[in-house]
PDB file of all heavy atoms in Angstrom:
ATOM      1  N   PHE A   1      -3.623   1.500  -8.286  1.00  0.00           N
ATOM      2  CA  PHE A   1      -3.029   2.581  -9.091  1.00  0.00           C
ATOM      3  C   PHE A   1      -3.844   2.806 -10.358  1.00  0.00           C
ATOM      4  O   PHE A   1      -4.078   3.943 -10.776  1.00  0.00           O
ATOM      5  CB  PHE A   1      -1.588   2.241  -9.466  1.00  0.00           C
ATOM      6  CG  PHE A   1      -0.618   2.226  -8.317  1.00  0.00           C
ATOM      7  CD1 PHE A   1       0.630   1.613  -8.456  1.00  0.00           C
ATOM      8  CD2 PHE A   1      -0.923   2.812  -7.104  1.00  0.00           C
ATOM      9  CE1 PHE A   1       1.538   1.592  -7.416  1.00  0.00           C
ATOM     10  CE2 PHE A   1      -0.013   2.792  -6.042  1.00  0.00           C
ATOM     11  CZ  PHE A   1       1.213   2.174  -6.208  1.00  0.00           C
ATOM     12  N   ASN A   2      -4.253   1.711 -11.002  1.00  0.00           N
ATOM     13  CA  ASN A   2      -5.017   1.820 -12.249  1.00  0.00           C
ATOM     14  C   ASN A   2      -6.405   2.411 -12.016  1.00  0.00           C
ATOM     15  O   ASN A   2      -6.942   3.109 -12.880  1.00  0.00           O
ATOM     16  CB  ASN A   2      -5.153   0.448 -12.911  1.00  0.00           C
ATOM     17  CG  ASN A   2      -3.920   0.046 -13.688  1.00  0.00           C
ATOM     18  OD1 ASN A   2      -3.139   0.890 -14.119  1.00  0.00           O
ATOM     19  ND2 ASN A   2      -3.734  -1.247 -13.881  1.00  0.00           N
ATOM     20  N   GLU A   3      -6.981   2.123 -10.866  1.00  0.00           N
ATOM     21  CA  GLU A   3      -8.340   2.587 -10.584  1.00  0.00           C
ATOM     22  C   GLU A   3      -8.379   4.032 -10.097  1.00  0.00           C
ATOM     23  O   GLU A   3      -9.264   4.805 -10.481  1.00  0.00           O
ATOM     24  CB  GLU A   3      -8.990   1.679  -9.548  1.00  0.00           C
ATOM     25  CG  GLU A   3     -10.451   2.013  -9.272  1.00  0.00           C
ATOM     26  CD  GLU A   3     -11.094   1.034  -8.306  1.00  0.00           C
ATOM     27  OE1 GLU A   3     -10.478  -0.015  -8.014  1.00  0.00           O
ATOM     28  OE2 GLU A   3     -12.218   1.327  -7.847  1.00  0.00           O
ATOM     29  N   HIS A   4      -7.397   4.400  -9.263  1.00  0.00           N
ATOM     30  CA  HIS A   4      -7.449   5.705  -8.605  1.00  0.00           C
ATOM     31  C   HIS A   4      -6.304   6.640  -8.982  1.00  0.00           C
ATOM     32  O   HIS A   4      -6.342   7.832  -8.641  1.00  0.00           O
ATOM     33  CB  HIS A   4      -7.435   5.523  -7.084  1.00  0.00           C
ATOM     34  CG  HIS A   4      -8.556   4.677  -6.569  1.00  0.00           C
ATOM     35  ND1 HIS A   4      -9.868   5.108  -6.531  1.00  0.00           N
ATOM     36  CD2 HIS A   4      -8.558   3.394  -6.090  1.00  0.00           C
ATOM     37  CE1 HIS A   4     -10.634   4.152  -6.028  1.00  0.00           C
ATOM     38  NE2 HIS A   4      -9.873   3.095  -5.766  1.00  0.00           N
ATOM     39  N   GLY A   5      -5.288   6.128  -9.658  1.00  0.00           N
ATOM     40  CA  GLY A   5      -4.095   6.918  -9.958  1.00  0.00           C
ATOM     41  C   GLY A   5      -3.041   6.688  -8.898  1.00  0.00           C
ATOM     42  O   GLY A   5      -3.356   6.567  -7.701  1.00  0.00           O
ATOM     43  N   GLU A   6      -1.800   6.616  -9.301  1.00  0.00           N
ATOM     44  CA  GLU A   6      -0.703   6.313  -8.371  1.00  0.00           C
ATOM     45  C   GLU A   6      -0.553   7.367  -7.286  1.00  0.00           C
ATOM     46  O   GLU A   6      -0.284   7.062  -6.112  1.00  0.00           O
ATOM     47  CB  GLU A   6       0.586   6.143  -9.193  1.00  0.00           C
ATOM     48  CG  GLU A   6       1.851   5.983  -8.392  1.00  0.00           C
ATOM     49  CD  GLU A   6       2.534   7.317  -8.113  1.00  0.00           C
ATOM     50  OE1 GLU A   6       2.379   8.232  -8.936  1.00  0.00           O
ATOM     51  OE2 GLU A   6       3.209   7.428  -7.074  1.00  0.00           O
ATOM     52  N   ARG A   7      -0.748   8.633  -7.615  1.00  0.00           N
ATOM     53  CA  ARG A   7      -0.561   9.709  -6.638  1.00  0.00           C
ATOM     54  C   ARG A   7      -1.576   9.646  -5.498  1.00  0.00           C
ATOM     55  O   ARG A   7      -1.301  10.112  -4.396  1.00  0.00           O
ATOM     56  CB  ARG A   7      -0.635  11.074  -7.325  1.00  0.00           C
ATOM     57  CG  ARG A   7       0.647  11.449  -8.060  1.00  0.00           C
ATOM     58  CD  ARG A   7       0.545  12.782  -8.761  1.00  0.00           C
ATOM     59  NE  ARG A   7      -0.352  12.730  -9.917  1.00  0.00           N
ATOM     60  CZ  ARG A   7      -0.477  13.689 -10.811  1.00  0.00           C
ATOM     61  NH1 ARG A   7       0.221  14.808 -10.681  1.00  0.00           N
ATOM     62  NH2 ARG A   7      -1.295  13.563 -11.837  1.00  0.00           N
ATOM     63  N   ALA A   8      -2.752   9.082  -5.762  1.00  0.00           N
ATOM     64  CA  ALA A   8      -3.816   9.056  -4.751  1.00  0.00           C
ATOM     65  C   ALA A   8      -3.685   7.885  -3.777  1.00  0.00           C
ATOM     66  O   ALA A   8      -4.400   7.835  -2.773  1.00  0.00           O
ATOM     67  CB  ALA A   8      -5.178   9.004  -5.431  1.00  0.00           C
ATOM     68  N   ILE A   9      -2.799   6.943  -4.076  1.00  0.00           N
ATOM     69  CA  ILE A   9      -2.698   5.721  -3.284  1.00  0.00           C
ATOM     70  C   ILE A   9      -1.404   5.713  -2.467  1.00  0.00           C
ATOM     71  O   ILE A   9      -0.321   5.944  -2.997  1.00  0.00           O
ATOM     72  CB  ILE A   9      -2.753   4.479  -4.202  1.00  0.00           C
ATOM     73  CG1 ILE A   9      -4.091   4.411  -4.927  1.00  0.00           C
ATOM     74  CG2 ILE A   9      -2.506   3.206  -3.403  1.00  0.00           C
ATOM     75  CD1 ILE A   9      -5.288   4.283  -4.015  1.00  0.00           C
ATOM     76  N   THR A  10      -1.538   5.439  -1.171  1.00  0.00           N
ATOM     77  CA  THR A  10      -0.385   5.322  -0.279  1.00  0.00           C
ATOM     78  C   THR A  10      -0.167   3.860   0.082  1.00  0.00           C
ATOM     79  O   THR A  10      -1.015   2.997  -0.180  1.00  0.00           O
ATOM     80  CB  THR A  10      -0.609   6.123   1.008  1.00  0.00           C
ATOM     81  OG1 THR A  10      -1.688   5.509   1.745  1.00  0.00           O
ATOM     82  CG2 THR A  10      -0.974   7.579   0.698  1.00  0.00           C
ATOM     83  N   THR A  11       0.947   3.584   0.728  1.00  0.00           N
ATOM     84  CA  THR A  11       1.200   2.214   1.199  1.00  0.00           C
ATOM     85  C   THR A  11       0.161   1.801   2.233  1.00  0.00           C
ATOM     86  O   THR A  11      -0.196   0.622   2.322  1.00  0.00           O
ATOM     87  CB  THR A  11       2.612   2.098   1.797  1.00  0.00           C
ATOM     88  OG1 THR A  11       2.816   3.145   2.762  1.00  0.00           O
ATOM     89  CG2 THR A  11       3.678   2.183   0.710  1.00  0.00           C
ATOM     90  N   ASN A  12      -0.357   2.756   3.007  1.00  0.00           N
ATOM     91  CA  ASN A  12      -1.420   2.433   3.975  1.00  0.00           C
ATOM     92  C   ASN A  12      -2.690   1.982   3.258  1.00  0.00           C
ATOM     93  O   ASN A  12      -3.386   1.069   3.724  1.00  0.00           O
ATOM     94  CB  ASN A  12      -1.723   3.632   4.862  1.00  0.00           C
ATOM     95  CG  ASN A  12      -0.668   3.851   5.929  1.00  0.00           C
ATOM     96  OD1 ASN A  12       0.122   2.954   6.222  1.00  0.00           O
ATOM     97  ND2 ASN A  12      -0.617   5.039   6.507  1.00  0.00           N
ATOM     98  N   HIS A  13      -3.017   2.649   2.135  1.00  0.00           N
ATOM     99  CA  HIS A  13      -4.173   2.231   1.349  1.00  0.00           C
ATOM    100  C   HIS A  13      -3.986   0.790   0.854  1.00  0.00           C
ATOM    101  O   HIS A  13      -4.937  -0.016   0.892  1.00  0.00           O
ATOM    102  CB  HIS A  13      -4.360   3.139   0.133  1.00  0.00           C
ATOM    103  CG  HIS A  13      -4.837   4.515   0.460  1.00  0.00           C
ATOM    104  ND1 HIS A  13      -4.201   5.646  -0.004  1.00  0.00           N
ATOM    105  CD2 HIS A  13      -5.876   4.948   1.216  1.00  0.00           C
ATOM    106  CE1 HIS A  13      -4.841   6.710   0.430  1.00  0.00           C
ATOM    107  NE2 HIS A  13      -5.853   6.315   1.186  1.00  0.00           N
ATOM    108  N   ILE A  14      -2.800   0.486   0.394  1.00  0.00           N
ATOM    109  CA  ILE A  14      -2.519  -0.854  -0.146  1.00  0.00           C
ATOM    110  C   ILE A  14      -2.635  -1.904   0.954  1.00  0.00           C
ATOM    111  O   ILE A  14      -3.251  -2.962   0.773  1.00  0.00           O
ATOM    112  CB  ILE A  14      -1.121  -0.895  -0.801  1.00  0.00           C
ATOM    113  CG1 ILE A  14      -1.056   0.090  -1.979  1.00  0.00           C
ATOM    114  CG2 ILE A  14      -0.789  -2.311  -1.273  1.00  0.00           C
ATOM    115  CD1 ILE A  14       0.354   0.383  -2.461  1.00  0.00           C
ATOM    116  N   ALA A  15      -2.053  -1.604   2.117  1.00  0.00           N
ATOM    117  CA  ALA A  15      -2.116  -2.536   3.249  1.00  0.00           C
ATOM    118  C   ALA A  15      -3.568  -2.767   3.676  1.00  0.00           C
ATOM    119  O   ALA A  15      -3.986  -3.911   3.909  1.00  0.00           O
ATOM    120  CB  ALA A  15      -1.283  -2.000   4.409  1.00  0.00           C
ATOM    121  N   ALA A  16      -4.346  -1.684   3.757  1.00  0.00           N
ATOM    122  CA  ALA A  16      -5.750  -1.807   4.165  1.00  0.00           C
ATOM    123  C   ALA A  16      -6.542  -2.620   3.146  1.00  0.00           C
ATOM    124  O   ALA A  16      -7.404  -3.427   3.512  1.00  0.00           O
ATOM    125  CB  ALA A  16      -6.357  -0.417   4.336  1.00  0.00           C
ATOM    126  N   HIS A  17      -6.248  -2.409   1.865  1.00  0.00           N
ATOM    127  CA  HIS A  17      -6.944  -3.140   0.802  1.00  0.00           C
ATOM    128  C   HIS A  17      -6.703  -4.643   0.939  1.00  0.00           C
ATOM    129  O   HIS A  17      -7.597  -5.453   0.663  1.00  0.00           O
ATOM    130  CB  HIS A  17      -6.448  -2.640  -0.556  1.00  0.00           C
ATOM    131  CG  HIS A  17      -7.100  -3.296  -1.733  1.00  0.00           C
ATOM    132  ND1 HIS A  17      -8.368  -2.968  -2.162  1.00  0.00           N
ATOM    133  CD2 HIS A  17      -6.659  -4.284  -2.582  1.00  0.00           C
ATOM    134  CE1 HIS A  17      -8.679  -3.693  -3.220  1.00  0.00           C
ATOM    135  NE2 HIS A  17      -7.667  -4.503  -3.492  1.00  0.00           N
ATOM    136  N   LEU A  18      -5.506  -5.015   1.373  1.00  0.00           N
ATOM    137  CA  LEU A  18      -5.147  -6.433   1.521  1.00  0.00           C
ATOM    138  C   LEU A  18      -5.432  -6.968   2.920  1.00  0.00           C
ATOM    139  O   LEU A  18      -5.205  -8.164   3.183  1.00  0.00           O
ATOM    140  CB  LEU A  18      -3.658  -6.616   1.189  1.00  0.00           C
ATOM    141  CG  LEU A  18      -3.265  -6.487  -0.277  1.00  0.00           C
ATOM    142  CD1 LEU A  18      -1.752  -6.418  -0.420  1.00  0.00           C
ATOM    143  CD2 LEU A  18      -3.823  -7.638  -1.091  1.00  0.00           C
ATOM    144  N   ASN A  19      -5.873  -6.064   3.804  1.00  0.00           N
ATOM    145  CA  ASN A  19      -6.134  -6.440   5.195  1.00  0.00           C
ATOM    146  C   ASN A  19      -4.876  -6.994   5.869  1.00  0.00           C
ATOM    147  O   ASN A  19      -4.912  -8.011   6.575  1.00  0.00           O
ATOM    148  CB  ASN A  19      -7.269  -7.471   5.277  1.00  0.00           C
ATOM    149  CG  ASN A  19      -7.865  -7.571   6.671  1.00  0.00           C
ATOM    150  OD1 ASN A  19      -7.829  -6.607   7.450  1.00  0.00           O
ATOM    151  ND2 ASN A  19      -8.404  -8.736   7.011  1.00  0.00           N
ATOM    152  N   ILE A  20      -3.748  -6.318   5.620  1.00  0.00           N
ATOM    153  CA  ILE A  20      -2.492  -6.645   6.297  1.00  0.00           C
ATOM    154  C   ILE A  20      -1.996  -5.384   6.994  1.00  0.00           C
ATOM    155  O   ILE A  20      -2.453  -4.274   6.711  1.00  0.00           O
ATOM    156  CB  ILE A  20      -1.415  -7.172   5.318  1.00  0.00           C
ATOM    157  CG1 ILE A  20      -1.031  -6.081   4.295  1.00  0.00           C
ATOM    158  CG2 ILE A  20      -1.877  -8.448   4.623  1.00  0.00           C
ATOM    159  CD1 ILE A  20       0.119  -6.478   3.375  1.00  0.00           C
ATOM    160  N   SER A  21      -1.055  -5.541   7.899  1.00  0.00           N
ATOM    161  CA  SER A  21      -0.527  -4.384   8.616  1.00  0.00           C
ATOM    162  C   SER A  21       0.484  -3.653   7.731  1.00  0.00           C
ATOM    163  O   SER A  21       1.133  -4.270   6.869  1.00  0.00           O
ATOM    164  CB  SER A  21       0.161  -4.826   9.899  1.00  0.00           C
ATOM    165  OG  SER A  21       1.347  -5.548   9.592  1.00  0.00           O
ATOM    166  N   PRO A  22       0.642  -2.332   7.932  1.00  0.00           N
ATOM    167  CA  PRO A  22       1.688  -1.607   7.201  1.00  0.00           C
ATOM    168  C   PRO A  22       3.060  -2.230   7.425  1.00  0.00           C
ATOM    169  O   PRO A  22       3.891  -2.268   6.509  1.00  0.00           O
ATOM    170  CB  PRO A  22       1.607  -0.198   7.786  1.00  0.00           C
ATOM    171  CG  PRO A  22       0.181  -0.057   8.219  1.00  0.00           C
ATOM    172  CD  PRO A  22      -0.194  -1.415   8.735  1.00  0.00           C
ATOM    173  N   GLY A  23       3.296  -2.737   8.640  1.00  0.00           N
ATOM    174  CA  GLY A  23       4.581  -3.371   8.935  1.00  0.00           C
ATOM    175  C   GLY A  23       4.827  -4.591   8.070  1.00  0.00           C
ATOM    176  O   GLY A  23       5.960  -4.838   7.636  1.00  0.00           O
ATOM    177  N   ASN A  24       3.765  -5.357   7.803  1.00  0.00           N
ATOM    178  CA  ASN A  24       3.881  -6.532   6.935  1.00  0.00           C
ATOM    179  C   ASN A  24       4.247  -6.096   5.518  1.00  0.00           C
ATOM    180  O   ASN A  24       5.090  -6.708   4.849  1.00  0.00           O
ATOM    181  CB  ASN A  24       2.560  -7.305   6.932  1.00  0.00           C
ATOM    182  CG  ASN A  24       2.694  -8.691   6.336  1.00  0.00           C
ATOM    183  OD1 ASN A  24       3.720  -9.049   5.760  1.00  0.00           O
ATOM    184  ND2 ASN A  24       1.637  -9.486   6.444  1.00  0.00           N
ATOM    185  N   LEU A  25       3.617  -5.016   5.062  1.00  0.00           N
ATOM    186  CA  LEU A  25       3.938  -4.506   3.725  1.00  0.00           C
ATOM    187  C   LEU A  25       5.395  -4.050   3.659  1.00  0.00           C
ATOM    188  O   LEU A  25       6.120  -4.363   2.706  1.00  0.00           O
ATOM    189  CB  LEU A  25       3.000  -3.349   3.366  1.00  0.00           C
ATOM    190  CG  LEU A  25       3.136  -2.785   1.938  1.00  0.00           C
ATOM    191  CD1 LEU A  25       1.786  -2.301   1.416  1.00  0.00           C
ATOM    192  CD2 LEU A  25       4.135  -1.622   1.890  1.00  0.00           C
ATOM    193  N   TYR A  26       5.841  -3.333   4.707  1.00  0.00           N
ATOM    194  CA  TYR A  26       7.214  -2.818   4.699  1.00  0.00           C
ATOM    195  C   TYR A  26       8.257  -3.922   4.856  1.00  0.00           C
ATOM    196  O   TYR A  26       9.430  -3.712   4.564  1.00  0.00           O
ATOM    197  CB  TYR A  26       7.391  -1.763   5.799  1.00  0.00           C
ATOM    198  CG  TYR A  26       6.695  -0.461   5.481  1.00  0.00           C
ATOM    199  CD1 TYR A  26       5.792   0.113   6.382  1.00  0.00           C
ATOM    200  CD2 TYR A  26       6.930   0.199   4.276  1.00  0.00           C
ATOM    201  CE1 TYR A  26       5.146   1.307   6.085  1.00  0.00           C
ATOM    202  CE2 TYR A  26       6.292   1.392   3.977  1.00  0.00           C
ATOM    203  CZ  TYR A  26       5.400   1.929   4.881  1.00  0.00           C
ATOM    204  OH  TYR A  26       4.768   3.113   4.577  1.00  0.00           O
ATOM    205  N   TYR A  27       7.822  -5.089   5.316  1.00  0.00           N
ATOM    206  CA  TYR A  27       8.729  -6.233   5.357  1.00  0.00           C
ATOM    207  C   TYR A  27       9.131  -6.636   3.939  1.00  0.00           C
ATOM    208  O   TYR A  27      10.253  -7.090   3.700  1.00  0.00           O
ATOM    209  CB  TYR A  27       8.051  -7.406   6.072  1.00  0.00           C
ATOM    210  CG  TYR A  27       8.860  -8.679   6.052  1.00  0.00           C
ATOM    211  CD1 TYR A  27       9.924  -8.865   6.930  1.00  0.00           C
ATOM    212  CD2 TYR A  27       8.569  -9.704   5.141  1.00  0.00           C
ATOM    213  CE1 TYR A  27      10.679 -10.031   6.909  1.00  0.00           C
ATOM    214  CE2 TYR A  27       9.306 -10.874   5.114  1.00  0.00           C
ATOM    215  CZ  TYR A  27      10.364 -11.027   5.997  1.00  0.00           C
ATOM    216  OH  TYR A  27      11.118 -12.193   5.967  1.00  0.00           O
ATOM    217  N   HIS A  28       8.212  -6.433   2.987  1.00  0.00           N
ATOM    218  CA  HIS A  28       8.447  -6.844   1.598  1.00  0.00           C
ATOM    219  C   HIS A  28       8.930  -5.690   0.714  1.00  0.00           C
ATOM    220  O   HIS A  28       9.694  -5.916  -0.233  1.00  0.00           O
ATOM    221  CB  HIS A  28       7.159  -7.423   1.008  1.00  0.00           C
ATOM    222  CG  HIS A  28       6.692  -8.671   1.692  1.00  0.00           C
ATOM    223  ND1 HIS A  28       7.227  -9.916   1.444  1.00  0.00           N
ATOM    224  CD2 HIS A  28       5.741  -8.853   2.647  1.00  0.00           C
ATOM    225  CE1 HIS A  28       6.632 -10.819   2.189  1.00  0.00           C
ATOM    226  NE2 HIS A  28       5.716 -10.213   2.935  1.00  0.00           N
ATOM    227  N   PHE A  29       8.485  -4.475   1.030  1.00  0.00           N
ATOM    228  CA  PHE A  29       8.838  -3.304   0.202  1.00  0.00           C
ATOM    229  C   PHE A  29       9.187  -2.121   1.105  1.00  0.00           C
ATOM    230  O   PHE A  29       8.477  -1.842   2.068  1.00  0.00           O
ATOM    231  CB  PHE A  29       7.668  -2.917  -0.719  1.00  0.00           C
ATOM    232  CG  PHE A  29       7.332  -3.959  -1.749  1.00  0.00           C
ATOM    233  CD1 PHE A  29       6.296  -4.862  -1.525  1.00  0.00           C
ATOM    234  CD2 PHE A  29       8.060  -4.053  -2.928  1.00  0.00           C
ATOM    235  CE1 PHE A  29       5.982  -5.831  -2.471  1.00  0.00           C
ATOM    236  CE2 PHE A  29       7.754  -5.022  -3.878  1.00  0.00           C
ATOM    237  CZ  PHE A  29       6.723  -5.911  -3.644  1.00  0.00           C
ATOM    238  N   ARG A  30      10.251  -1.422   0.748  1.00  0.00           N
ATOM    239  CA  ARG A  30      10.708  -0.291   1.565  1.00  0.00           C
ATOM    240  C   ARG A  30       9.742   0.885   1.493  1.00  0.00           C
ATOM    241  O   ARG A  30       9.528   1.590   2.473  1.00  0.00           O
ATOM    242  CB  ARG A  30      12.099   0.176   1.107  1.00  0.00           C
ATOM    243  CG  ARG A  30      13.207  -0.852   1.297  1.00  0.00           C
ATOM    244  CD  ARG A  30      14.565  -0.255   0.970  1.00  0.00           C
ATOM    245  NE  ARG A  30      14.612   0.262  -0.394  1.00  0.00           N
ATOM    246  CZ  ARG A  30      14.892  -0.489  -1.456  1.00  0.00           C
ATOM    247  NH1 ARG A  30      15.104  -1.786  -1.302  1.00  0.00           N
ATOM    248  NH2 ARG A  30      14.934   0.049  -2.659  1.00  0.00           N
ATOM    249  N   ASN A  31       9.150   1.101   0.311  1.00  0.00           N
ATOM    250  CA  ASN A  31       8.269   2.250   0.101  1.00  0.00           C
ATOM    251  C   ASN A  31       7.464   2.034  -1.185  1.00  0.00           C
ATOM    252  O   ASN A  31       7.588   0.980  -1.833  1.00  0.00           O
ATOM    253  CB  ASN A  31       9.080   3.551   0.012  1.00  0.00           C
ATOM    254  CG  ASN A  31      10.262   3.428  -0.939  1.00  0.00           C
ATOM    255  OD1 ASN A  31      10.148   2.849  -2.020  1.00  0.00           O
ATOM    256  ND2 ASN A  31      11.420   3.942  -0.539  1.00  0.00           N
ATOM    257  N   LYS A  32       6.668   3.022  -1.543  1.00  0.00           N
ATOM    258  CA  LYS A  32       5.823   2.887  -2.732  1.00  0.00           C
ATOM    259  C   LYS A  32       6.668   2.807  -4.006  1.00  0.00           C
ATOM    260  O   LYS A  32       6.315   2.080  -4.946  1.00  0.00           O
ATOM    261  CB  LYS A  32       4.843   4.062  -2.819  1.00  0.00           C
ATOM    262  CG  LYS A  32       3.785   3.870  -3.902  1.00  0.00           C
ATOM    263  CD  LYS A  32       2.647   4.862  -3.769  1.00  0.00           C
ATOM    264  CE  LYS A  32       3.033   6.246  -4.211  1.00  0.00           C
ATOM    265  NZ  LYS A  32       1.862   7.153  -4.323  1.00  0.00           N
TER     266      LYS A  32
END
């Protein structure tokens, strides 16, 4: 968010950055 702005980043971007599946991310957080 700090590097690119919150609007430009999706949960898929976050999952890819961490090399985890979107499903793994959604296990911990419902949405952005």
